[in-house]
Amino acid sequence: MRQYKSYMDHVKVSGDLHRRLAELEGPGKRPVPWVKYASLAAALALGLVMAGAGLLCQDELIWRLGSTSTIFPYARDYAFYIILGTPVMILSFTLNNLLRWQGKASLAVFGLATGGILNMILDPIFIYAFDPCAIILCCVALFLKVAF
């Protein structure tokens, strides 16, 4: 439930962001090109800060998210690669919102759907075909999903 609420908060914030950006670039107003570059720079900076903080507090974060002592080593391995990919994920979310802002919502949805399907196909292949390094390859599949 917590993850769903977090996702819904993201949707609400991005909806508010779209409305405010549309007010900046309304009918009869000049386009605001700096908004795109500023948002990408801010997303990259935020991603790097979050990745750094996540790597510094990785063990504490995993315990607070509900890990048990049995699953902790596996969760730690998985979280390491997820935290490394945080800047890529945040940039992907930002680019998706910029696509919607430019009126290309169908392209944004296509990218999300393609990434999700790609992740569903690649995860089982990586888990069953490459068992020893399945965690790393599942993270690779997640990053490929985010890249599309």
C-alpha atoms as a PDB file:
ATOM      1  CA  MET A   1       0.000   0.000   0.000  1.00  0.00           C
ATOM      2  CA  ARG A   2       2.873   2.341   0.814  1.00  0.00           C
ATOM      3  CA  GLN A   3       4.334   1.882  -2.676  1.00  0.00           C
ATOM      4  CA  TYR A   4       0.951   2.629  -4.283  1.00  0.00           C
ATOM      5  CA  LYS A   5       0.591   5.819  -2.228  1.00  0.00           C
ATOM      6  CA  SER A   6       4.090   6.882  -3.225  1.00  0.00           C
ATOM      7  CA  TYR A   7       3.265   6.270  -6.883  1.00  0.00           C
ATOM      8  CA  MET A   8       0.027   8.235  -6.597  1.00  0.00           C
ATOM      9  CA  ASP A   9       1.888  11.117  -4.941  1.00  0.00           C
ATOM     10  CA  HIS A  10       4.291  11.084  -7.912  1.00  0.00           C
ATOM     11  CA  VAL A  11       1.353  11.200 -10.333  1.00  0.00           C
ATOM     12  CA  LYS A  12      -0.211  14.131  -8.445  1.00  0.00           C
ATOM     13  CA  VAL A  13       3.066  16.072  -8.340  1.00  0.00           C
ATOM     14  CA  SER A  14       3.743  15.471 -12.033  1.00  0.00           C
ATOM     15  CA  GLY A  15       0.177  16.567 -12.858  1.00  0.00           C
ATOM     16  CA  ASP A  16       0.695  19.793 -10.902  1.00  0.00           C
ATOM     17  CA  LEU A  17       4.024  20.288 -12.643  1.00  0.00           C
ATOM     18  CA  HIS A  18       2.423  19.888 -16.080  1.00  0.00           C
ATOM     19  CA  ARG A  19      -0.252  22.436 -15.250  1.00  0.00           C
ATOM     20  CA  ARG A  20       2.278  24.984 -14.001  1.00  0.00           C
ATOM     21  CA  LEU A  21       4.536  24.477 -17.020  1.00  0.00           C
ATOM     22  CA  ALA A  22       1.538  24.939 -19.296  1.00  0.00           C
ATOM     23  CA  GLU A  23       0.809  28.242 -17.547  1.00  0.00           C
ATOM     24  CA  LEU A  24       4.393  29.348 -18.250  1.00  0.00           C
ATOM     25  CA  GLU A  25       4.064  28.436 -21.914  1.00  0.00           C
ATOM     26  CA  GLY A  26       0.441  29.234 -22.607  1.00  0.00           C
ATOM     27  CA  PRO A  27      -1.193  30.466 -25.805  1.00  0.00           C
ATOM     28  CA  GLY A  28       0.453  33.615 -27.092  1.00  0.00           C
ATOM     29  CA  LYS A  29       3.473  33.252 -24.807  1.00  0.00           C
ATOM     30  CA  ARG A  30       6.993  32.479 -25.917  1.00  0.00           C
ATOM     31  CA  PRO A  31       8.285  28.947 -25.272  1.00  0.00           C
ATOM     32  CA  VAL A  32      10.427  28.517 -22.206  1.00  0.00           C
ATOM     33  CA  PRO A  33      13.370  26.400 -23.406  1.00  0.00           C
ATOM     34  CA  TRP A  34      15.358  26.770 -20.194  1.00  0.00           C
ATOM     35  CA  VAL A  35      12.756  24.755 -18.291  1.00  0.00           C
ATOM     36  CA  LYS A  36      13.741  21.568 -20.137  1.00  0.00           C
ATOM     37  CA  TYR A  37      17.429  21.962 -19.438  1.00  0.00           C
ATOM     38  CA  ALA A  38      16.932  23.095 -15.857  1.00  0.00           C
ATOM     39  CA  SER A  39      14.687  20.141 -15.101  1.00  0.00           C
ATOM     40  CA  LEU A  40      17.187  17.689 -16.613  1.00  0.00           C
ATOM     41  CA  ALA A  41      20.061  19.234 -14.655  1.00  0.00           C
ATOM     42  CA  ALA A  42      18.020  19.201 -11.441  1.00  0.00           C
ATOM     43  CA  ALA A  43      16.988  15.576 -12.046  1.00  0.00           C
ATOM     44  CA  LEU A  44      20.589  14.514 -12.607  1.00  0.00           C
ATOM     45  CA  ALA A  45      21.762  16.372  -9.500  1.00  0.00           C
ATOM     46  CA  LEU A  46      18.950  14.879  -7.416  1.00  0.00           C
ATOM     47  CA  GLY A  47      19.708  11.408  -8.763  1.00  0.00           C
ATOM     48  CA  LEU A  48      23.385  11.689  -7.895  1.00  0.00           C
ATOM     49  CA  VAL A  49      22.616  12.991  -4.399  1.00  0.00           C
ATOM     50  CA  MET A  50      20.081  10.217  -3.795  1.00  0.00           C
ATOM     51  CA  ALA A  51      22.479   7.562  -5.095  1.00  0.00           C
ATOM     52  CA  GLY A  52      25.254   8.853  -2.865  1.00  0.00           C
ATOM     53  CA  ALA A  53      22.990   8.958   0.183  1.00  0.00           C
ATOM     54  CA  GLY A  54      21.625   5.527  -0.654  1.00  0.00           C
ATOM     55  CA  LEU A  55      25.096   4.026  -0.909  1.00  0.00           C
ATOM     56  CA  LEU A  56      26.159   5.612   2.379  1.00  0.00           C
ATOM     57  CA  CYS A  57      23.071   4.391   4.252  1.00  0.00           C
ATOM     58  CA  GLN A  58      22.440   1.198   2.288  1.00  0.00           C
ATOM     59  CA  ASP A  59      22.381  -1.257   5.198  1.00  0.00           C
ATOM     60  CA  GLU A  60      20.195   0.952   7.377  1.00  0.00           C
ATOM     61  CA  LEU A  61      17.840   1.583   4.460  1.00  0.00           C
ATOM     62  CA  ILE A  62      17.446  -2.125   3.766  1.00  0.00           C
ATOM     63  CA  TRP A  63      16.693  -2.898   7.425  1.00  0.00           C
ATOM     64  CA  ARG A  64      14.165  -0.049   7.646  1.00  0.00           C
ATOM     65  CA  LEU A  65      12.410  -1.268   4.503  1.00  0.00           C
ATOM     66  CA  GLY A  66      11.681  -4.532   6.314  1.00  0.00           C
ATOM     67  CA  SER A  67      14.459  -6.930   5.453  1.00  0.00           C
ATOM     68  CA  THR A  68      14.975  -9.990   7.603  1.00  0.00           C
ATOM     69  CA  SER A  69      18.359 -11.450   8.480  1.00  0.00           C
ATOM     70  CA  THR A  70      17.687 -14.326   6.074  1.00  0.00           C
ATOM     71  CA  ILE A  71      17.065 -12.167   3.019  1.00  0.00           C
ATOM     72  CA  PHE A  72      19.439  -9.315   3.930  1.00  0.00           C
ATOM     73  CA  PRO A  73      22.473 -10.459   1.854  1.00  0.00           C
ATOM     74  CA  TYR A  74      20.323 -10.844  -1.267  1.00  0.00           C
ATOM     75  CA  ALA A  75      18.505  -7.568  -0.669  1.00  0.00           C
ATOM     76  CA  ARG A  76      21.854  -5.843  -0.205  1.00  0.00           C
ATOM     77  CA  ASP A  77      23.176  -7.158  -3.517  1.00  0.00           C
ATOM     78  CA  TYR A  78      20.015  -6.133  -5.337  1.00  0.00           C
ATOM     79  CA  ALA A  79      19.792  -2.725  -3.663  1.00  0.00           C
ATOM     80  CA  PHE A  80      23.397  -1.896  -4.566  1.00  0.00           C
ATOM     81  CA  TYR A  81      22.669  -2.043  -8.289  1.00  0.00           C
ATOM     82  CA  ILE A  82      19.293  -0.356  -7.944  1.00  0.00           C
ATOM     83  CA  ILE A  83      20.888   2.513  -6.018  1.00  0.00           C
ATOM     84  CA  LEU A  84      23.602   2.831  -8.682  1.00  0.00           C
ATOM     85  CA  GLY A  85      20.856   3.216 -11.283  1.00  0.00           C
ATOM     86  CA  THR A  86      18.979   5.905  -9.363  1.00  0.00           C
ATOM     87  CA  PRO A  87      20.228   8.808 -11.532  1.00  0.00           C
ATOM     88  CA  VAL A  88      19.179   6.923 -14.686  1.00  0.00           C
ATOM     89  CA  MET A  89      15.725   6.202 -13.267  1.00  0.00           C
ATOM     90  CA  ILE A  90      15.135   9.796 -12.176  1.00  0.00           C
ATOM     91  CA  LEU A  91      16.266  11.102 -15.564  1.00  0.00           C
ATOM     92  CA  SER A  92      13.879   8.667 -17.223  1.00  0.00           C
ATOM     93  CA  PHE A  93      10.946   9.905 -15.130  1.00  0.00           C
ATOM     94  CA  THR A  94      11.890  13.501 -15.921  1.00  0.00           C
ATOM     95  CA  LEU A  95      12.157  12.843 -19.657  1.00  0.00           C
ATOM     96  CA  ASN A  96       8.786  11.093 -19.543  1.00  0.00           C
ATOM     97  CA  ASN A  97       7.213  14.146 -17.909  1.00  0.00           C
ATOM     98  CA  LEU A  98       8.869  16.437 -20.455  1.00  0.00           C
ATOM     99  CA  LEU A  99       7.339  14.364 -23.256  1.00  0.00           C
ATOM    100  CA  ARG A 100       3.904  14.811 -21.687  1.00  0.00           C
ATOM    101  CA  TRP A 101       4.516  18.520 -21.245  1.00  0.00           C
ATOM    102  CA  GLN A 102       5.269  18.848 -24.951  1.00  0.00           C
ATOM    103  CA  GLY A 103       1.950  17.208 -25.788  1.00  0.00           C
ATOM    104  CA  LYS A 104       3.372  13.798 -26.678  1.00  0.00           C
ATOM    105  CA  ALA A 105       1.599  11.787 -24.002  1.00  0.00           C
ATOM    106  CA  SER A 106       1.033   8.830 -26.340  1.00  0.00           C
ATOM    107  CA  LEU A 107       4.777   8.590 -26.946  1.00  0.00           C
ATOM    108  CA  ALA A 108       5.407   8.708 -23.184  1.00  0.00           C
ATOM    109  CA  VAL A 109       2.884   5.924 -22.574  1.00  0.00           C
ATOM    110  CA  PHE A 110       4.393   3.876 -25.411  1.00  0.00           C
ATOM    111  CA  GLY A 111       7.833   4.204 -23.812  1.00  0.00           C
ATOM    112  CA  LEU A 112       6.540   3.127 -20.405  1.00  0.00           C
ATOM    113  CA  ALA A 113       4.637   0.177 -21.870  1.00  0.00           C
ATOM    114  CA  THR A 114       7.603  -0.940 -23.971  1.00  0.00           C
ATOM    115  CA  GLY A 115       9.878  -0.764 -20.953  1.00  0.00           C
ATOM    116  CA  GLY A 116       7.453  -2.750 -18.809  1.00  0.00           C
ATOM    117  CA  ILE A 117       7.041  -5.467 -21.424  1.00  0.00           C
ATOM    118  CA  LEU A 118      10.794  -5.600 -21.930  1.00  0.00           C
ATOM    119  CA  ASN A 119      11.276  -6.043 -18.184  1.00  0.00           C
ATOM    120  CA  MET A 120       8.684  -8.839 -17.998  1.00  0.00           C
ATOM    121  CA  ILE A 121      10.392 -10.692 -20.852  1.00  0.00           C
ATOM    122  CA  LEU A 122      14.003 -10.200 -19.745  1.00  0.00           C
ATOM    123  CA  ASP A 123      13.611 -10.929 -16.005  1.00  0.00           C
ATOM    124  CA  PRO A 124      12.653 -14.627 -16.362  1.00  0.00           C
ATOM    125  CA  ILE A 125      15.249 -15.133 -19.074  1.00  0.00           C
ATOM    126  CA  PHE A 126      17.986 -13.649 -16.908  1.00  0.00           C
ATOM    127  CA  ILE A 127      16.863 -15.477 -13.750  1.00  0.00           C
ATOM    128  CA  TYR A 128      16.602 -18.966 -15.253  1.00  0.00           C
ATOM    129  CA  ALA A 129      19.322 -18.824 -17.901  1.00  0.00           C
ATOM    130  CA  PHE A 130      22.012 -17.006 -15.904  1.00  0.00           C
ATOM    131  CA  ASP A 131      21.337 -18.214 -12.350  1.00  0.00           C
ATOM    132  CA  PRO A 132      24.653 -17.273 -10.648  1.00  0.00           C
ATOM    133  CA  CYS A 133      24.425 -13.617 -11.545  1.00  0.00           C
ATOM    134  CA  ALA A 134      20.629 -13.311 -11.713  1.00  0.00           C
ATOM    135  CA  ILE A 135      20.469 -10.317  -9.376  1.00  0.00           C
ATOM    136  CA  ILE A 136      22.830  -8.243 -11.489  1.00  0.00           C
ATOM    137  CA  LEU A 137      21.059  -9.186 -14.696  1.00  0.00           C
ATOM    138  CA  CYS A 138      17.614  -8.400 -13.259  1.00  0.00           C
ATOM    139  CA  CYS A 139      18.916  -4.930 -12.429  1.00  0.00           C
ATOM    140  CA  VAL A 140      20.219  -4.668 -15.987  1.00  0.00           C
ATOM    141  CA  ALA A 141      16.748  -5.598 -17.238  1.00  0.00           C
ATOM    142  CA  LEU A 142      15.255  -2.919 -14.984  1.00  0.00           C
ATOM    143  CA  PHE A 143      17.657  -0.301 -16.343  1.00  0.00           C
ATOM    144  CA  LEU A 144      16.834  -1.342 -19.907  1.00  0.00           C
ATOM    145  CA  LYS A 145      13.172  -0.931 -19.041  1.00  0.00           C
ATOM    146  CA  VAL A 146      13.839   2.542 -17.720  1.00  0.00           C
ATOM    147  CA  ALA A 147      15.946   3.441 -20.755  1.00  0.00           C
ATOM    148  CA  PHE A 148      12.986   2.768 -23.038  1.00  0.00           C
END
